[in-house]
Amino acid sequence: MSIVVTGASGKLGRHVVEQLLEKVPAEQVTAVVRSPEKVAGLAERGVRVAVADYNAPETFDGLFAAGDKVLLVSGNEFDKGRVRQHSVVIDAAKAAGVALLAYTSAPGSLTAALADDHRGTEQALLDSGVPYVLLRNGWYHENYTENLAPVLEHDAVVAAAGEGRVSSASRADYAAAAVAVLTGDGHENATYELGGDEAWSFAEYAAELSRQTGREIAYHPVTPEALTGILAGAGVPEPMAAVLAGVDAAIAKGELVVDSGDLSRLAGRPTTPLSEAVAAAFKD
């Protein structure tokens, strides 16, 4: 039996593998990647590395074994048909008879276009009959803290979220929840709504940035249409810019407030405060 992590060279997948190695022997972990050179260090530590691509179903033939526990990390190729991509993994998992397939989804409350592929994948997973766990991940701190350059350049946080609040958490927090599911028992056919312990507004985010930089950083709310134009002007492809603006509109409606407490319960600790993520970003 192996614990298999797809997308293992990605930012979330890497966190999951690292945390798994703190709990189980390396030979029990399989990292699925498209580019093995990105995880050469993991192979040297004894992790099995498998090369497979969501766009090439044949690469998943025989990759899983009966009894495996699999984490399907959602893809980020929004133009490639993510439900079809994810179904490749689900079909291979079903054929192998895996014990569990956990999927990194989006909060059930999210109605923005970004959630459509997640809902479609969830349905495919439920229809497959494979024992599943839906890890409905909320927003990541790093969605903001890894993109501070324009904020600091203009001393402004620009968003189309109005006074809406976000229950974000760190990638490491979400990874800890996934590891708990992959290494624990009793999670079959469960759905977890995952988010940070404390929701924050963009005005509060701007105030935290001001506190840590000693500069006056203001929050400038804009319309989703204006944000789409700003992002497109900064080089984001227009369809993706519209999707991101749609997430902000969902935040304004309260759709990214997750108050279930599932994340801290699964992680076994409080979630990482936004202030810590901001401080870490300034250290890097």
C-alpha atoms as a PDB file:
ATOM      1  CA  MET A   1       0.000   0.000   0.000  1.00  0.00           C
ATOM      2  CA  SER A   2       1.270   3.410  -0.963  1.00  0.00           C
ATOM      3  CA  ILE A   3       0.114   6.958  -0.329  1.00  0.00           C
ATOM      4  CA  VAL A   4       0.103   8.591  -3.741  1.00  0.00           C
ATOM      5  CA  VAL A   5       0.186  12.362  -4.278  1.00  0.00           C
ATOM      6  CA  THR A   6      -0.488  13.760  -7.753  1.00  0.00           C
ATOM      7  CA  GLY A   7       0.886  17.151  -8.675  1.00  0.00           C
ATOM      8  CA  ALA A   8       3.636  16.473  -6.148  1.00  0.00           C
ATOM      9  CA  SER A   9       6.038  19.057  -7.552  1.00  0.00           C
ATOM     10  CA  GLY A  10       3.456  21.829  -7.187  1.00  0.00           C
ATOM     11  CA  LYS A  11       3.275  24.240  -4.280  1.00  0.00           C
ATOM     12  CA  LEU A  12       0.567  22.358  -2.372  1.00  0.00           C
ATOM     13  CA  GLY A  13       1.677  18.875  -3.396  1.00  0.00           C
ATOM     14  CA  ARG A  14       5.218  19.519  -2.201  1.00  0.00           C
ATOM     15  CA  HIS A  15       3.931  20.551   1.224  1.00  0.00           C
ATOM     16  CA  VAL A  16       1.849  17.364   1.418  1.00  0.00           C
ATOM     17  CA  VAL A  17       4.781  15.097   0.560  1.00  0.00           C
ATOM     18  CA  GLU A  18       7.083  16.837   3.046  1.00  0.00           C
ATOM     19  CA  GLN A  19       4.527  16.471   5.824  1.00  0.00           C
ATOM     20  CA  LEU A  20       3.839  12.829   4.910  1.00  0.00           C
ATOM     21  CA  LEU A  21       7.548  12.099   5.323  1.00  0.00           C
ATOM     22  CA  GLU A  22       7.260  13.230   8.940  1.00  0.00           C
ATOM     23  CA  LYS A  23       4.665  10.502   9.561  1.00  0.00           C
ATOM     24  CA  VAL A  24       5.360   7.520   7.315  1.00  0.00           C
ATOM     25  CA  PRO A  25       8.472   5.866   5.798  1.00  0.00           C
ATOM     26  CA  ALA A  26       9.548   7.350   2.470  1.00  0.00           C
ATOM     27  CA  GLU A  27       9.066   4.053   0.636  1.00  0.00           C
ATOM     28  CA  GLN A  28       5.339   4.259   1.394  1.00  0.00           C
ATOM     29  CA  VAL A  29       5.015   7.567  -0.488  1.00  0.00           C
ATOM     30  CA  THR A  30       4.643   7.951  -4.256  1.00  0.00           C
ATOM     31  CA  ALA A  31       5.054  11.387  -5.843  1.00  0.00           C
ATOM     32  CA  VAL A  32       3.342  11.724  -9.227  1.00  0.00           C
ATOM     33  CA  VAL A  33       4.877  14.438 -11.414  1.00  0.00           C
ATOM     34  CA  ARG A  34       5.278  15.435 -15.034  1.00  0.00           C
ATOM     35  CA  SER A  35       8.923  16.486 -14.617  1.00  0.00           C
ATOM     36  CA  PRO A  36      10.914  14.088 -12.407  1.00  0.00           C
ATOM     37  CA  GLU A  37      13.898  16.429 -12.240  1.00  0.00           C
ATOM     38  CA  LYS A  38      11.789  18.762 -10.096  1.00  0.00           C
ATOM     39  CA  VAL A  39      11.606  16.146  -7.335  1.00  0.00           C
ATOM     40  CA  ALA A  40      15.065  14.609  -7.582  1.00  0.00           C
ATOM     41  CA  GLY A  41      15.619  15.452  -3.940  1.00  0.00           C
ATOM     42  CA  LEU A  42      12.569  13.428  -2.935  1.00  0.00           C
ATOM     43  CA  ALA A  43      13.764  10.423  -4.926  1.00  0.00           C
ATOM     44  CA  GLU A  44      17.108  10.629  -3.135  1.00  0.00           C
ATOM     45  CA  ARG A  45      15.221  10.439   0.181  1.00  0.00           C
ATOM     46  CA  GLY A  46      13.511   7.208  -0.857  1.00  0.00           C
ATOM     47  CA  VAL A  47      10.216   8.492  -2.234  1.00  0.00           C
ATOM     48  CA  ARG A  48       8.947   6.596  -5.262  1.00  0.00           C
ATOM     49  CA  VAL A  49       8.584   8.971  -8.202  1.00  0.00           C
ATOM     50  CA  ALA A  50       6.071   8.203 -10.966  1.00  0.00           C
ATOM     51  CA  VAL A  51       5.824  10.237 -14.160  1.00  0.00           C
ATOM     52  CA  ALA A  52       2.290  10.851 -15.389  1.00  0.00           C
ATOM     53  CA  ASP A  53       0.259  13.631 -17.010  1.00  0.00           C
ATOM     54  CA  TYR A  54      -3.432  14.423 -16.590  1.00  0.00           C
ATOM     55  CA  ASN A  55      -3.529  15.004 -20.376  1.00  0.00           C
ATOM     56  CA  ALA A  56      -2.212  11.513 -21.185  1.00  0.00           C
ATOM     57  CA  PRO A  57      -4.517   8.827 -19.716  1.00  0.00           C
ATOM     58  CA  GLU A  58      -2.154   5.994 -20.663  1.00  0.00           C
ATOM     59  CA  THR A  59       0.486   7.363 -18.269  1.00  0.00           C
ATOM     60  CA  PHE A  60      -1.760   6.428 -15.357  1.00  0.00           C
ATOM     61  CA  ASP A  61      -2.127   2.795 -16.481  1.00  0.00           C
ATOM     62  CA  GLY A  62      -0.912   0.593 -13.636  1.00  0.00           C
ATOM     63  CA  LEU A  63       0.260   3.557 -11.563  1.00  0.00           C
ATOM     64  CA  PHE A  64      -2.091   2.826  -8.653  1.00  0.00           C
ATOM     65  CA  ALA A  65      -2.398  -0.433  -6.726  1.00  0.00           C
ATOM     66  CA  ALA A  66      -5.238  -1.955  -4.734  1.00  0.00           C
ATOM     67  CA  GLY A  67      -5.374  -0.417  -1.282  1.00  0.00           C
ATOM     68  CA  ASP A  68      -3.537   2.775  -2.189  1.00  0.00           C
ATOM     69  CA  LYS A  69      -4.651   6.088  -0.738  1.00  0.00           C
ATOM     70  CA  VAL A  70      -4.518   8.817  -3.369  1.00  0.00           C
ATOM     71  CA  LEU A  71      -4.543  12.601  -3.167  1.00  0.00           C
ATOM     72  CA  LEU A  72      -5.739  14.147  -6.416  1.00  0.00           C
ATOM     73  CA  VAL A  73      -4.449  17.711  -6.387  1.00  0.00           C
ATOM     74  CA  SER A  74      -6.608  19.730  -8.755  1.00  0.00           C
ATOM     75  CA  GLY A  75      -4.875  20.839 -11.941  1.00  0.00           C
ATOM     76  CA  ASN A  76      -4.220  24.449 -12.863  1.00  0.00           C
ATOM     77  CA  GLU A  77      -4.589  24.229 -16.640  1.00  0.00           C
ATOM     78  CA  PHE A  78      -7.907  26.022 -16.794  1.00  0.00           C
ATOM     79  CA  ASP A  79      -8.010  25.858 -20.598  1.00  0.00           C
ATOM     80  CA  LYS A  80      -7.486  22.083 -20.848  1.00  0.00           C
ATOM     81  CA  GLY A  81     -10.802  20.826 -19.442  1.00  0.00           C
ATOM     82  CA  ARG A  82      -9.992  20.099 -15.827  1.00  0.00           C
ATOM     83  CA  VAL A  83     -12.942  17.750 -15.209  1.00  0.00           C
ATOM     84  CA  ARG A  84     -11.732  15.543 -18.055  1.00  0.00           C
ATOM     85  CA  GLN A  85      -8.173  15.704 -16.694  1.00  0.00           C
ATOM     86  CA  HIS A  86      -9.254  14.780 -13.181  1.00  0.00           C
ATOM     87  CA  SER A  87     -11.471  11.982 -14.496  1.00  0.00           C
ATOM     88  CA  VAL A  88      -8.346  10.328 -15.909  1.00  0.00           C
ATOM     89  CA  VAL A  89      -7.062   9.932 -12.349  1.00  0.00           C
ATOM     90  CA  ILE A  90     -10.463   8.892 -10.981  1.00  0.00           C
ATOM     91  CA  ASP A  91     -10.849   6.214 -13.668  1.00  0.00           C
ATOM     92  CA  ALA A  92      -7.367   4.824 -12.977  1.00  0.00           C
ATOM     93  CA  ALA A  93      -8.057   4.802  -9.247  1.00  0.00           C
ATOM     94  CA  LYS A  94     -11.318   2.929  -9.777  1.00  0.00           C
ATOM     95  CA  ALA A  95      -9.665   0.360 -12.049  1.00  0.00           C
ATOM     96  CA  ALA A  96      -6.959  -0.294  -9.450  1.00  0.00           C
ATOM     97  CA  GLY A  97      -9.335  -0.574  -6.496  1.00  0.00           C
ATOM     98  CA  VAL A  98      -7.742   2.108  -4.354  1.00  0.00           C
ATOM     99  CA  ALA A  99      -8.839   2.394  -0.741  1.00  0.00           C
ATOM    100  CA  LEU A 100      -9.410   6.146  -0.839  1.00  0.00           C
ATOM    101  CA  LEU A 101      -9.237   9.065  -3.230  1.00  0.00           C
ATOM    102  CA  ALA A 102      -9.096  12.550  -1.687  1.00  0.00           C
ATOM    103  CA  TYR A 103      -9.656  15.546  -3.959  1.00  0.00           C
ATOM    104  CA  THR A 104      -8.676  19.170  -3.357  1.00  0.00           C
ATOM    105  CA  SER A 105     -11.885  20.982  -4.218  1.00  0.00           C
ATOM    106  CA  ALA A 106     -13.386  24.402  -3.437  1.00  0.00           C
ATOM    107  CA  PRO A 107     -15.798  25.485  -0.682  1.00  0.00           C
ATOM    108  CA  GLY A 108     -19.358  24.329  -1.192  1.00  0.00           C
ATOM    109  CA  SER A 109     -20.504  27.923  -0.726  1.00  0.00           C
ATOM    110  CA  LEU A 110     -18.487  29.175  -3.721  1.00  0.00           C
ATOM    111  CA  THR A 111     -20.648  29.838  -6.805  1.00  0.00           C
ATOM    112  CA  ALA A 112     -18.026  31.695  -8.885  1.00  0.00           C
ATOM    113  CA  ALA A 113     -16.951  30.191 -12.218  1.00  0.00           C
ATOM    114  CA  LEU A 114     -13.754  28.956 -10.560  1.00  0.00           C
ATOM    115  CA  ALA A 115     -15.858  26.383  -8.689  1.00  0.00           C
ATOM    116  CA  ASP A 116     -17.480  24.858 -11.779  1.00  0.00           C
ATOM    117  CA  ASP A 117     -14.656  22.414 -12.533  1.00  0.00           C
ATOM    118  CA  HIS A 118     -14.534  21.415  -8.872  1.00  0.00           C
ATOM    119  CA  ARG A 119     -18.249  20.642  -8.758  1.00  0.00           C
ATOM    120  CA  GLY A 120     -17.920  18.641 -11.974  1.00  0.00           C
ATOM    121  CA  THR A 121     -14.986  16.669 -10.585  1.00  0.00           C
ATOM    122  CA  GLU A 122     -16.827  16.005  -7.322  1.00  0.00           C
ATOM    123  CA  GLN A 123     -19.733  14.565  -9.307  1.00  0.00           C
ATOM    124  CA  ALA A 124     -17.413  12.357 -11.354  1.00  0.00           C
ATOM    125  CA  LEU A 125     -15.822  11.092  -8.156  1.00  0.00           C
ATOM    126  CA  LEU A 126     -19.154  10.363  -6.508  1.00  0.00           C
ATOM    127  CA  ASP A 127     -20.386   8.600  -9.655  1.00  0.00           C
ATOM    128  CA  SER A 128     -17.253   6.417  -9.754  1.00  0.00           C
ATOM    129  CA  GLY A 129     -18.053   4.599  -6.524  1.00  0.00           C
ATOM    130  CA  VAL A 130     -14.460   5.015  -5.310  1.00  0.00           C
ATOM    131  CA  PRO A 131     -14.262   5.733  -1.545  1.00  0.00           C
ATOM    132  CA  TYR A 132     -13.676   9.477  -1.493  1.00  0.00           C
ATOM    133  CA  VAL A 133     -12.861  12.493   0.624  1.00  0.00           C
ATOM    134  CA  LEU A 134     -13.717  15.977  -0.583  1.00  0.00           C
ATOM    135  CA  LEU A 135     -11.183  18.438   0.791  1.00  0.00           C
ATOM    136  CA  ARG A 136     -12.967  21.677  -0.025  1.00  0.00           C
ATOM    137  CA  ASN A 137     -10.026  24.020   0.343  1.00  0.00           C
ATOM    138  CA  GLY A 138     -10.731  27.680   0.906  1.00  0.00           C
ATOM    139  CA  TRP A 139      -8.479  30.476  -0.284  1.00  0.00           C
ATOM    140  CA  TYR A 140      -4.739  30.447   0.401  1.00  0.00           C
ATOM    141  CA  HIS A 141      -2.854  33.241   2.199  1.00  0.00           C
ATOM    142  CA  GLU A 142      -0.220  32.865  -0.504  1.00  0.00           C
ATOM    143  CA  ASN A 143      -2.679  33.968  -3.196  1.00  0.00           C
ATOM    144  CA  TYR A 144      -2.028  37.414  -1.737  1.00  0.00           C
ATOM    145  CA  THR A 145       1.334  37.262   0.033  1.00  0.00           C
ATOM    146  CA  GLU A 146       3.140  35.899  -3.053  1.00  0.00           C
ATOM    147  CA  ASN A 147       1.903  38.866  -5.093  1.00  0.00           C
ATOM    148  CA  LEU A 148       2.925  41.826  -2.959  1.00  0.00           C
ATOM    149  CA  ALA A 149       5.082  43.621  -5.556  1.00  0.00           C
ATOM    150  CA  PRO A 150       2.273  45.676  -7.153  1.00  0.00           C
ATOM    151  CA  VAL A 151       0.786  46.397  -3.731  1.00  0.00           C
ATOM    152  CA  LEU A 152       4.084  47.805  -2.482  1.00  0.00           C
ATOM    153  CA  GLU A 153       4.728  49.629  -5.742  1.00  0.00           C
ATOM    154  CA  HIS A 154       1.477  51.570  -5.469  1.00  0.00           C
ATOM    155  CA  ASP A 155       0.895  51.418  -1.692  1.00  0.00           C
ATOM    156  CA  ALA A 156      -2.536  50.059  -2.466  1.00  0.00           C
ATOM    157  CA  VAL A 157      -4.536  46.844  -2.140  1.00  0.00           C
ATOM    158  CA  VAL A 158      -6.910  46.731  -5.102  1.00  0.00           C
ATOM    159  CA  ALA A 159      -9.773  44.212  -5.068  1.00  0.00           C
ATOM    160  CA  ALA A 160     -13.369  43.866  -6.145  1.00  0.00           C
ATOM    161  CA  ALA A 161     -14.426  42.269  -2.872  1.00  0.00           C
ATOM    162  CA  GLY A 162     -16.195  45.192  -1.241  1.00  0.00           C
ATOM    163  CA  GLU A 163     -16.378  44.619   2.501  1.00  0.00           C
ATOM    164  CA  GLY A 164     -16.394  40.849   2.094  1.00  0.00           C
ATOM    165  CA  ARG A 165     -14.270  38.612   4.297  1.00  0.00           C
ATOM    166  CA  VAL A 166     -11.970  35.688   3.503  1.00  0.00           C
ATOM    167  CA  SER A 167     -11.241  32.642   5.689  1.00  0.00           C
ATOM    168  CA  SER A 168      -7.835  32.000   4.167  1.00  0.00           C
ATOM    169  CA  ALA A 169      -5.120  29.742   5.540  1.00  0.00           C
ATOM    170  CA  SER A 170      -1.613  28.735   4.506  1.00  0.00           C
ATOM    171  CA  ARG A 171      -0.789  25.982   2.039  1.00  0.00           C
ATOM    172  CA  ALA A 172       0.915  24.174   4.904  1.00  0.00           C
ATOM    173  CA  ASP A 173      -2.377  24.219   6.827  1.00  0.00           C
ATOM    174  CA  TYR A 174      -4.320  22.666   3.959  1.00  0.00           C
ATOM    175  CA  ALA A 175      -1.520  20.143   3.446  1.00  0.00           C
ATOM    176  CA  ALA A 176      -1.779  19.137   7.112  1.00  0.00           C
ATOM    177  CA  ALA A 177      -5.485  18.390   6.639  1.00  0.00           C
ATOM    178  CA  ALA A 178      -4.733  16.247   3.591  1.00  0.00           C
ATOM    179  CA  VAL A 179      -2.022  14.346   5.469  1.00  0.00           C
ATOM    180  CA  ALA A 180      -4.417  13.692   8.366  1.00  0.00           C
ATOM    181  CA  VAL A 181      -6.907  12.165   5.941  1.00  0.00           C
ATOM    182  CA  LEU A 182      -4.277  10.127   4.074  1.00  0.00           C
ATOM    183  CA  THR A 183      -2.699   8.707   7.230  1.00  0.00           C
ATOM    184  CA  GLY A 184      -5.800   8.382   9.415  1.00  0.00           C
ATOM    185  CA  ASP A 185      -8.892   6.208   9.492  1.00  0.00           C
ATOM    186  CA  GLY A 186     -12.610   6.833   9.275  1.00  0.00           C
ATOM    187  CA  HIS A 187     -12.584   9.514   6.566  1.00  0.00           C
ATOM    188  CA  GLU A 188     -14.251   7.493   3.796  1.00  0.00           C
ATOM    189  CA  ASN A 189     -16.980   9.382   1.919  1.00  0.00           C
ATOM    190  CA  ALA A 190     -16.512  12.504   4.039  1.00  0.00           C
ATOM    191  CA  THR A 191     -16.693  16.128   2.940  1.00  0.00           C
ATOM    192  CA  TYR A 192     -14.643  18.732   4.793  1.00  0.00           C
ATOM    193  CA  GLU A 193     -15.182  22.471   4.410  1.00  0.00           C
ATOM    194  CA  LEU A 194     -11.735  23.916   5.022  1.00  0.00           C
ATOM    195  CA  GLY A 195     -10.807  27.478   5.896  1.00  0.00           C
ATOM    196  CA  GLY A 196      -8.789  29.552   8.317  1.00  0.00           C
ATOM    197  CA  ASP A 197      -9.883  30.136  11.896  1.00  0.00           C
ATOM    198  CA  GLU A 198     -10.206  33.897  11.410  1.00  0.00           C
ATOM    199  CA  ALA A 199     -11.796  35.652   8.447  1.00  0.00           C
ATOM    200  CA  TRP A 200     -10.407  39.042   7.404  1.00  0.00           C
ATOM    201  CA  SER A 201     -11.440  41.913   5.162  1.00  0.00           C
ATOM    202  CA  PHE A 202      -9.278  43.634   2.576  1.00  0.00           C
ATOM    203  CA  ALA A 203      -9.281  46.801   4.663  1.00  0.00           C
ATOM    204  CA  GLU A 204      -7.829  44.737   7.515  1.00  0.00           C
ATOM    205  CA  TYR A 205      -5.302  43.189   5.143  1.00  0.00           C
ATOM    206  CA  ALA A 206      -4.176  46.638   4.013  1.00  0.00           C
ATOM    207  CA  ALA A 207      -3.914  47.710   7.661  1.00  0.00           C
ATOM    208  CA  GLU A 208      -1.731  44.659   8.446  1.00  0.00           C
ATOM    209  CA  LEU A 209       0.544  45.458   5.513  1.00  0.00           C
ATOM    210  CA  SER A 210       0.770  49.054   6.749  1.00  0.00           C
ATOM    211  CA  ARG A 211       1.680  47.851  10.242  1.00  0.00           C
ATOM    212  CA  GLN A 212       4.436  45.557   9.015  1.00  0.00           C
ATOM    213  CA  THR A 213       5.937  47.957   6.465  1.00  0.00           C
ATOM    214  CA  GLY A 214       5.517  51.207   8.352  1.00  0.00           C
ATOM    215  CA  ARG A 215       3.938  52.634   5.207  1.00  0.00           C
ATOM    216  CA  GLU A 216       0.431  53.851   4.542  1.00  0.00           C
ATOM    217  CA  ILE A 217      -1.160  51.156   2.400  1.00  0.00           C
ATOM    218  CA  ALA A 218      -4.814  51.721   1.558  1.00  0.00           C
ATOM    219  CA  TYR A 219      -7.560  49.436   0.294  1.00  0.00           C
ATOM    220  CA  HIS A 220      -9.105  50.581  -2.984  1.00  0.00           C
ATOM    221  CA  PRO A 221     -12.293  48.666  -3.800  1.00  0.00           C
ATOM    222  CA  VAL A 222     -13.140  48.520  -7.498  1.00  0.00           C
ATOM    223  CA  THR A 223     -15.812  46.834  -9.609  1.00  0.00           C
ATOM    224  CA  PRO A 224     -15.238  43.323 -10.999  1.00  0.00           C
ATOM    225  CA  GLU A 225     -15.157  44.833 -14.493  1.00  0.00           C
ATOM    226  CA  ALA A 226     -12.458  47.308 -13.480  1.00  0.00           C
ATOM    227  CA  LEU A 227     -10.428  44.568 -11.806  1.00  0.00           C
ATOM    228  CA  THR A 228     -10.648  42.424 -14.927  1.00  0.00           C
ATOM    229  CA  GLY A 229      -9.193  45.304 -16.917  1.00  0.00           C
ATOM    230  CA  ILE A 230      -6.435  45.949 -14.373  1.00  0.00           C
ATOM    231  CA  LEU A 231      -5.392  42.294 -14.324  1.00  0.00           C
ATOM    232  CA  ALA A 232      -5.527  42.006 -18.110  1.00  0.00           C
ATOM    233  CA  GLY A 233      -3.403  45.142 -18.366  1.00  0.00           C
ATOM    234  CA  ALA A 234      -0.861  43.495 -16.069  1.00  0.00           C
ATOM    235  CA  GLY A 235      -0.578  40.537 -18.409  1.00  0.00           C
ATOM    236  CA  VAL A 236      -3.135  38.098 -17.006  1.00  0.00           C
ATOM    237  CA  PRO A 237      -5.037  36.424 -19.883  1.00  0.00           C
ATOM    238  CA  GLU A 238      -8.482  38.027 -20.033  1.00  0.00           C
ATOM    239  CA  PRO A 239     -10.490  34.827 -19.386  1.00  0.00           C
ATOM    240  CA  MET A 240      -8.416  34.156 -16.260  1.00  0.00           C
ATOM    241  CA  ALA A 241      -8.671  37.806 -15.214  1.00  0.00           C
ATOM    242  CA  ALA A 242     -12.452  37.508 -15.387  1.00  0.00           C
ATOM    243  CA  VAL A 243     -12.370  34.323 -13.289  1.00  0.00           C
ATOM    244  CA  LEU A 244     -10.268  36.019 -10.609  1.00  0.00           C
ATOM    245  CA  ALA A 245     -12.557  39.052 -10.583  1.00  0.00           C
ATOM    246  CA  GLY A 246     -15.466  36.645 -10.211  1.00  0.00           C
ATOM    247  CA  VAL A 247     -13.845  35.233  -7.079  1.00  0.00           C
ATOM    248  CA  ASP A 248     -13.667  38.746  -5.645  1.00  0.00           C
ATOM    249  CA  ALA A 249     -17.352  39.223  -6.408  1.00  0.00           C
ATOM    250  CA  ALA A 250     -18.024  35.950  -4.553  1.00  0.00           C
ATOM    251  CA  ILE A 251     -15.979  37.230  -1.596  1.00  0.00           C
ATOM    252  CA  ALA A 252     -18.151  40.344  -1.534  1.00  0.00           C
ATOM    253  CA  LYS A 253     -21.159  38.032  -1.135  1.00  0.00           C
ATOM    254  CA  GLY A 254     -19.535  36.124   1.731  1.00  0.00           C
ATOM    255  CA  GLU A 255     -18.868  32.940  -0.231  1.00  0.00           C
ATOM    256  CA  LEU A 256     -15.285  32.475   0.993  1.00  0.00           C
ATOM    257  CA  VAL A 257     -16.109  32.639   4.681  1.00  0.00           C
ATOM    258  CA  VAL A 258     -15.686  29.076   5.981  1.00  0.00           C
ATOM    259  CA  ASP A 259     -16.477  28.705   9.668  1.00  0.00           C
ATOM    260  CA  SER A 260     -16.777  24.923  10.018  1.00  0.00           C
ATOM    261  CA  GLY A 261     -13.575  24.552  12.046  1.00  0.00           C
ATOM    262  CA  ASP A 262     -12.745  21.457   9.962  1.00  0.00           C
ATOM    263  CA  LEU A 263      -9.279  22.675   8.976  1.00  0.00           C
ATOM    264  CA  SER A 264      -7.894  23.255  12.450  1.00  0.00           C
ATOM    265  CA  ARG A 265      -9.543  20.032  13.683  1.00  0.00           C
ATOM    266  CA  LEU A 266      -7.907  17.938  10.953  1.00  0.00           C
ATOM    267  CA  ALA A 267      -4.561  19.725  11.274  1.00  0.00           C
ATOM    268  CA  GLY A 268      -4.656  19.283  15.044  1.00  0.00           C
ATOM    269  CA  ARG A 269      -3.667  22.898  15.643  1.00  0.00           C
ATOM    270  CA  PRO A 270      -4.889  26.447  14.990  1.00  0.00           C
ATOM    271  CA  THR A 271      -4.505  27.658  11.419  1.00  0.00           C
ATOM    272  CA  THR A 272      -1.744  30.097  10.494  1.00  0.00           C
ATOM    273  CA  PRO A 273      -2.772  33.742  11.037  1.00  0.00           C
ATOM    274  CA  LEU A 274      -2.616  36.045   8.012  1.00  0.00           C
ATOM    275  CA  SER A 275      -0.158  38.258   9.905  1.00  0.00           C
ATOM    276  CA  GLU A 276       2.334  35.371  10.079  1.00  0.00           C
ATOM    277  CA  ALA A 277       2.023  34.740   6.347  1.00  0.00           C
ATOM    278  CA  VAL A 278       2.640  38.415   5.629  1.00  0.00           C
ATOM    279  CA  ALA A 279       5.698  38.416   7.903  1.00  0.00           C
ATOM    280  CA  ALA A 280       7.049  35.287   6.188  1.00  0.00           C
ATOM    281  CA  ALA A 281       6.588  36.892   2.762  1.00  0.00           C
ATOM    282  CA  PHE A 282       8.620  39.929   3.800  1.00  0.00           C
ATOM    283  CA  LYS A 283      11.443  37.676   5.032  1.00  0.00           C
ATOM    284  CA  ASP A 284      11.731  35.847   1.698  1.00  0.00           C
END
